[in-house]
Amino acid sequence: MPNWNEYIQLSAGLISVVNPLGAIPTFMALTTNRTGADKKRTAFVCACSVFMVLEISLLAGEPILNFFSIGLPAFRVAGGILILLMALRMLHVSPDRARHTPEEQAESSEKESVAVVPLAIPLLSGPGAISTTIVYGHMNHTWLHYLLMSAVILSIAVVVWIAMLVAPKIARFMGQTGINVVTRVMGLMLAAIAVEFIAKGLSALFPALTGVTA
């Protein structure tokens, strides 16, 4: 039987690191001069791109790590540090340059399509989301695990799609202050998950640490 707590934790972690609400101001800024149909198409393509990026990370993450001879414990620590840095920026509601830079955002506003770059990559499904997906993907190698993981990823993509569709209403209802509050709460959850990643990675790299804490 699957451990449903792990998949609930995965869902909370992914929704926090993807942070669709935090991407709403960028989405509105990049699509301000577009028609309603264009905005809906951009939202759908963005959600599909998020799903594809995370699903490829789930299925191809292990072969890529093996190709570069990277162990999962080391990747846990590296991914945890990256996610922790993102969480700290979310707590301070400051732009995350690991996701995108102001230069990239300014350049993307002039492009015909912004659904894939920079909205899906790297704003939503950036290094943090990819790292989270790969780490959780290594927890089990059964077909049921990958099926449930894919279901979680699909649900995240649906949330992204809905958030982009109702972005103007959410922005008017919550305001920038409300979005900042939610971003801080997600940042706190993400920081806790990052610490757990780092702790598990360090305990695997240095087994003596487990004996000390025991």
Protein backbone atom coordinates (compact mmCIF):
# COMPACT_ATOMS: atom_id res chain seq x y z
CA MET A 1 0.00 0.00 0.00
CA PRO A 2 1.34 3.45 -0.84
CA ASN A 3 2.25 5.85 1.92
CA TRP A 4 -0.25 8.61 1.25
CA ASN A 5 1.56 11.01 3.60
CA GLU A 6 4.52 11.04 1.23
CA TYR A 7 2.35 12.01 -1.72
CA ILE A 8 0.57 14.68 0.32
CA GLN A 9 4.00 16.04 1.27
CA LEU A 10 5.05 15.91 -2.39
CA SER A 11 1.93 17.81 -3.43
CA ALA A 12 2.52 20.47 -0.77
CA GLY A 13 6.19 20.74 -1.69
CA LEU A 14 5.60 21.02 -5.43
CA ILE A 15 2.76 23.53 -5.14
CA SER A 16 4.97 25.61 -2.86
CA VAL A 17 8.02 25.60 -5.11
CA VAL A 18 5.99 26.07 -8.32
CA ASN A 19 4.01 28.84 -6.56
CA PRO A 20 1.36 29.64 -9.19
CA LEU A 21 0.07 32.61 -7.18
CA GLY A 22 3.52 34.19 -7.15
CA ALA A 23 3.66 33.92 -10.94
CA ILE A 24 0.38 35.77 -11.46
CA PRO A 25 1.92 39.29 -11.53
CA THR A 26 4.48 38.16 -14.12
CA PHE A 27 1.80 36.45 -16.20
CA MET A 28 -0.35 39.58 -16.20
CA ALA A 29 2.62 41.81 -17.06
CA LEU A 30 3.69 39.62 -19.99
CA THR A 31 0.16 39.28 -21.42
CA THR A 32 -1.17 42.76 -20.71
CA ASN A 33 -1.57 43.67 -24.40
CA ARG A 34 -3.01 40.32 -25.51
CA THR A 35 -6.61 39.34 -26.20
CA GLY A 36 -8.61 37.09 -23.89
CA ALA A 37 -8.21 34.15 -26.29
CA ASP A 38 -4.45 34.65 -26.39
CA LYS A 39 -4.30 34.71 -22.59
CA LYS A 40 -6.28 31.47 -22.36
CA ARG A 41 -4.03 29.82 -24.95
CA THR A 42 -0.94 31.04 -23.10
CA ALA A 43 -2.29 29.64 -19.81
CA PHE A 44 -2.99 26.24 -21.39
CA VAL A 45 0.40 25.98 -23.11
CA CYS A 46 2.12 27.07 -19.90
CA ALA A 47 0.35 24.37 -17.87
CA CYS A 48 1.15 21.70 -20.47
CA SER A 49 4.80 22.77 -20.47
CA VAL A 50 4.98 22.56 -16.67
CA PHE A 51 3.57 19.03 -16.82
CA MET A 52 6.01 17.94 -19.53
CA VAL A 53 9.06 19.36 -17.76
CA LEU A 54 8.24 17.74 -14.42
CA GLU A 55 7.17 14.45 -16.01
CA ILE A 56 10.42 14.24 -17.98
CA SER A 57 12.30 15.01 -14.75
CA LEU A 58 10.44 12.15 -13.06
CA LEU A 59 11.13 9.60 -15.79
CA ALA A 60 14.61 10.70 -16.89
CA GLY A 61 15.98 12.01 -13.59
CA GLU A 62 17.62 8.77 -12.49
CA PRO A 63 19.36 8.04 -15.84
CA ILE A 64 20.71 11.60 -15.90
CA LEU A 65 22.09 11.28 -12.36
CA ASN A 66 23.65 7.92 -13.24
CA PHE A 67 25.19 9.36 -16.40
CA PHE A 68 26.99 12.03 -14.38
CA SER A 69 27.75 9.57 -11.56
CA ILE A 70 25.82 11.67 -9.05
CA GLY A 71 24.45 9.84 -6.02
CA LEU A 72 21.01 10.58 -4.68
CA PRO A 73 22.28 11.70 -1.22
CA ALA A 74 24.50 14.35 -2.81
CA PHE A 75 21.65 15.44 -5.05
CA ARG A 76 19.37 15.65 -2.00
CA VAL A 77 21.78 18.01 -0.26
CA ALA A 78 22.34 20.14 -3.38
CA GLY A 79 18.62 20.28 -4.18
CA GLY A 80 17.78 21.02 -0.55
CA ILE A 81 20.19 23.96 -0.47
CA LEU A 82 18.74 25.33 -3.70
CA ILE A 83 15.17 24.95 -2.43
CA LEU A 84 16.13 26.53 0.91
CA LEU A 85 17.54 29.59 -0.90
CA MET A 86 14.30 29.87 -2.88
CA ALA A 87 12.29 29.53 0.34
CA LEU A 88 14.24 32.32 2.02
CA ARG A 89 13.56 34.59 -0.94
CA MET A 90 9.87 33.70 -0.77
CA LEU A 91 9.81 34.55 2.94
CA HIS A 92 11.22 37.97 2.09
CA VAL A 93 9.07 38.18 -1.08
CA SER A 94 12.10 39.12 -3.17
CA PRO A 95 12.64 38.19 -6.82
CA ASP A 96 14.30 34.81 -7.27
CA ARG A 97 17.08 35.12 -9.83
CA ALA A 98 17.45 31.34 -9.87
CA ARG A 99 14.10 31.30 -11.64
CA HIS A 100 14.50 34.29 -13.93
CA THR A 101 16.32 37.59 -14.12
CA PRO A 102 14.82 41.03 -14.80
CA GLU A 103 16.70 41.03 -18.12
CA GLU A 104 15.03 37.78 -19.17
CA GLN A 105 11.61 39.08 -18.17
CA ALA A 106 12.12 42.31 -20.13
CA GLU A 107 13.27 40.37 -23.18
CA SER A 108 10.43 37.87 -22.94
CA SER A 109 7.81 40.61 -22.95
CA GLU A 110 8.82 41.34 -26.54
CA LYS A 111 8.52 37.73 -27.70
CA GLU A 112 5.48 36.38 -29.48
CA SER A 113 4.98 33.51 -27.03
CA VAL A 114 5.80 33.64 -23.33
CA ALA A 115 4.00 30.48 -22.27
CA VAL A 116 7.06 28.22 -22.37
CA VAL A 117 9.80 30.76 -21.65
CA PRO A 118 9.88 32.34 -19.14
CA LEU A 119 6.54 31.33 -17.56
CA ALA A 120 6.84 27.54 -17.61
CA ILE A 121 10.64 27.49 -17.73
CA PRO A 122 12.18 28.64 -15.49
CA LEU A 123 9.57 30.65 -13.55
CA LEU A 124 7.25 27.77 -12.58
CA SER A 125 9.06 24.52 -13.32
CA GLY A 126 12.53 25.75 -12.48
CA PRO A 127 15.50 24.06 -10.78
CA GLY A 128 13.68 23.78 -7.46
CA ALA A 129 10.66 21.98 -8.91
CA ILE A 130 12.86 19.71 -11.00
CA SER A 131 15.02 18.83 -7.98
CA THR A 132 11.95 18.11 -5.85
CA THR A 133 10.48 15.83 -8.53
CA ILE A 134 13.72 13.87 -9.01
CA VAL A 135 14.25 13.37 -5.27
CA TYR A 136 10.71 12.14 -4.65
CA GLY A 137 10.88 10.01 -7.79
CA HIS A 138 13.71 8.00 -6.20
CA MET A 139 11.64 7.02 -3.17
CA ASN A 140 10.20 4.02 -4.98
CA HIS A 141 10.58 2.31 -8.35
CA THR A 142 7.21 0.60 -8.68
CA TRP A 143 4.78 1.42 -11.48
CA LEU A 144 2.21 2.50 -8.88
CA HIS A 145 4.63 5.06 -7.44
CA TYR A 146 5.32 6.58 -10.86
CA LEU A 147 1.60 6.58 -11.62
CA LEU A 148 0.79 8.43 -8.40
CA MET A 149 3.70 10.83 -8.98
CA SER A 150 2.37 11.55 -12.47
CA ALA A 151 -1.08 12.19 -10.99
CA VAL A 152 0.43 14.69 -8.54
CA ILE A 153 2.31 16.43 -11.36
CA LEU A 154 -0.87 16.56 -13.45
CA SER A 155 -2.79 18.09 -10.55
CA ILE A 156 -0.08 20.76 -10.17
CA ALA A 157 -0.33 21.56 -13.89
CA VAL A 158 -4.13 21.89 -13.57
CA VAL A 159 -3.69 24.28 -10.63
CA VAL A 160 -1.27 26.35 -12.73
CA TRP A 161 -3.77 26.43 -15.61
CA ILE A 162 -6.64 27.54 -13.38
CA ALA A 163 -4.48 30.16 -11.64
CA MET A 164 -3.47 31.67 -14.99
CA LEU A 165 -7.07 31.67 -16.25
CA VAL A 166 -8.40 33.54 -13.22
CA ALA A 167 -5.24 35.62 -12.68
CA PRO A 168 -6.97 39.03 -13.00
CA LYS A 169 -9.71 38.04 -10.52
CA ILE A 170 -7.18 36.64 -8.04
CA ALA A 171 -5.03 39.76 -8.33
CA ARG A 172 -8.03 42.03 -7.71
CA PHE A 173 -9.36 39.93 -4.83
CA MET A 174 -6.11 39.28 -2.97
CA GLY A 175 -4.08 42.30 -3.99
CA GLN A 176 -0.31 42.33 -3.83
CA THR A 177 -0.41 42.11 -0.03
CA GLY A 178 -2.51 38.95 -0.09
CA ILE A 179 -0.27 37.32 -2.67
CA ASN A 180 2.77 38.21 -0.56
CA VAL A 181 1.20 36.60 2.53
CA VAL A 182 0.49 33.36 0.66
CA THR A 183 4.00 33.42 -0.81
CA ARG A 184 5.51 33.72 2.69
CA VAL A 185 3.43 30.80 3.98
CA MET A 186 4.52 28.66 1.01
CA GLY A 187 8.10 29.76 1.62
CA LEU A 188 7.91 28.53 5.21
CA MET A 189 6.59 25.13 4.10
CA LEU A 190 9.26 24.96 1.44
CA ALA A 191 12.01 25.76 3.96
CA ALA A 192 10.89 22.85 6.16
CA ILE A 193 10.94 20.47 3.19
CA ALA A 194 14.38 21.74 2.16
CA VAL A 195 15.77 21.11 5.65
CA GLU A 196 14.41 17.56 5.51
CA PHE A 197 16.07 17.02 2.12
CA ILE A 198 19.41 18.24 3.48
CA ALA A 199 19.11 16.20 6.68
CA LYS A 200 18.34 12.96 4.85
CA GLY A 201 21.12 13.59 2.33
CA LEU A 202 23.70 14.31 5.03
CA SER A 203 22.67 11.26 7.06
CA ALA A 204 23.20 9.07 3.98
CA LEU A 205 26.53 10.70 3.11
CA PHE A 206 27.76 10.59 6.70
CA PRO A 207 26.12 7.64 8.51
CA ALA A 208 27.89 8.61 11.73
CA LEU A 209 25.56 11.61 11.98
CA THR A 210 22.63 9.27 12.45
CA GLY A 211 24.40 7.56 15.32
CA VAL A 212 25.14 10.90 17.00
CA THR A 213 21.53 12.08 16.80
CA ALA A 214 20.29 8.70 18.00
